[in-house]
């Protein structure tokens, strides 16, 4: 793990209490660190997910799964099919 990845991971851990995300960061750079972390820890490469699965994974860390899902898609961390049926991790 590089120094940047290590410091980012340490910084992201400050956003959690007892395994739950305390709040979704308002600052874009901080939110991006969180989204990278969530993408890497919650979603597998080369696997399609339906929206329900995305929501269930996100609910393990925060109650606002819709906002987190939207940030992940808008940030380019998850790709959604045109019909909205499935999502995939983008790497």
Protein backbone atom coordinates (compact mmCIF):
# COMPACT_ATOMS: atom_id res chain seq x y z
CA UNK A 1 0.00 0.00 0.00
CA UNK A 2 1.41 3.39 -0.93
CA UNK A 3 1.72 6.24 1.56
CA UNK A 4 -1.17 8.07 -0.14
CA UNK A 5 -3.43 5.03 0.02
CA UNK A 6 -2.48 4.45 3.66
CA UNK A 7 -3.19 8.06 4.66
CA UNK A 8 -6.46 8.02 2.70
CA UNK A 9 -7.55 4.85 4.45
CA UNK A 10 -6.65 6.31 7.82
CA UNK A 11 -8.52 9.50 6.94
CA UNK A 12 -11.61 7.61 5.85
CA UNK A 13 -11.67 5.65 9.10
CA UNK A 14 -12.24 8.98 10.88
CA UNK A 15 -15.62 9.17 9.12
CA UNK A 16 -16.83 5.98 10.81
CA UNK A 17 -17.93 5.11 14.32
CA UNK A 18 -18.49 1.45 15.21
CA UNK A 19 -18.48 0.50 11.54
CA UNK A 20 -21.11 3.07 10.58
CA UNK A 21 -20.59 6.19 8.51
CA UNK A 22 -21.25 9.17 10.81
CA UNK A 23 -22.08 11.59 7.96
CA UNK A 24 -21.56 11.90 4.22
CA UNK A 25 -18.82 14.53 3.78
CA UNK A 26 -19.85 17.80 2.15
CA UNK A 27 -16.39 18.60 0.80
CA UNK A 28 -15.94 16.97 -2.59
CA UNK A 29 -12.36 15.76 -1.99
CA UNK A 30 -13.28 14.13 1.31
CA UNK A 31 -16.43 12.58 -0.18
CA UNK A 32 -14.35 11.17 -3.05
CA UNK A 33 -12.03 9.46 -0.53
CA UNK A 34 -15.10 7.90 1.06
CA UNK A 35 -16.50 6.77 -2.30
CA UNK A 36 -13.20 5.14 -3.28
CA UNK A 37 -13.22 3.30 0.05
CA UNK A 38 -16.85 2.16 -0.32
CA UNK A 39 -16.27 1.01 -3.89
CA UNK A 40 -13.24 -1.05 -2.93
CA UNK A 41 -14.74 -2.59 0.19
CA UNK A 42 -18.37 -3.19 -0.77
CA UNK A 43 -18.34 -4.09 -4.46
CA UNK A 44 -16.51 -6.77 -6.42
CA UNK A 45 -14.91 -6.22 -9.81
CA UNK A 46 -16.56 -7.84 -12.83
CA UNK A 47 -19.88 -8.42 -11.10
CA UNK A 48 -23.28 -7.01 -11.97
CA UNK A 49 -25.50 -5.81 -9.12
CA UNK A 50 -29.19 -4.98 -9.11
CA UNK A 51 -30.22 -1.81 -7.31
CA UNK A 52 -31.50 -3.75 -4.29
CA UNK A 53 -28.04 -5.30 -3.81
CA UNK A 54 -26.36 -1.90 -4.04
CA UNK A 55 -28.77 -0.49 -1.48
CA UNK A 56 -28.30 -3.43 0.90
CA UNK A 57 -24.52 -3.06 0.76
CA UNK A 58 -24.69 0.69 1.36
CA UNK A 59 -27.19 0.30 4.20
CA UNK A 60 -24.54 -1.65 6.11
CA UNK A 61 -22.66 1.64 6.54
CA UNK A 62 -25.29 4.44 6.31
CA UNK A 63 -29.06 4.84 6.22
CA UNK A 64 -29.07 7.14 3.15
CA UNK A 65 -28.25 4.49 0.56
CA UNK A 66 -29.92 6.53 -2.20
CA UNK A 67 -27.56 9.48 -1.74
CA UNK A 68 -24.50 7.24 -1.57
CA UNK A 69 -25.61 5.30 -4.66
CA UNK A 70 -26.17 8.55 -6.56
CA UNK A 71 -22.71 9.87 -5.54
CA UNK A 72 -21.11 6.58 -6.63
CA UNK A 73 -22.76 6.74 -10.06
CA UNK A 74 -22.21 10.48 -10.59
CA UNK A 75 -18.59 10.15 -9.47
CA UNK A 76 -17.95 7.35 -11.95
CA UNK A 77 -17.30 4.67 -9.33
CA UNK A 78 -20.34 2.61 -10.33
CA UNK A 79 -21.77 2.42 -13.83
CA UNK A 80 -25.49 1.94 -14.33
CA UNK A 81 -26.96 0.38 -17.45
CA UNK A 82 -29.10 2.67 -19.55
CA UNK A 83 -32.30 0.94 -18.39
CA UNK A 84 -31.15 1.17 -14.74
CA UNK A 85 -31.41 -2.57 -14.25
CA UNK A 86 -27.83 -3.26 -13.19
CA UNK A 87 -24.73 -1.59 -11.82
CA UNK A 88 -21.05 -2.47 -12.10
CA UNK A 89 -17.95 -1.31 -10.30
CA UNK A 90 -15.75 0.89 -12.52
CA UNK A 91 -11.99 0.39 -12.21
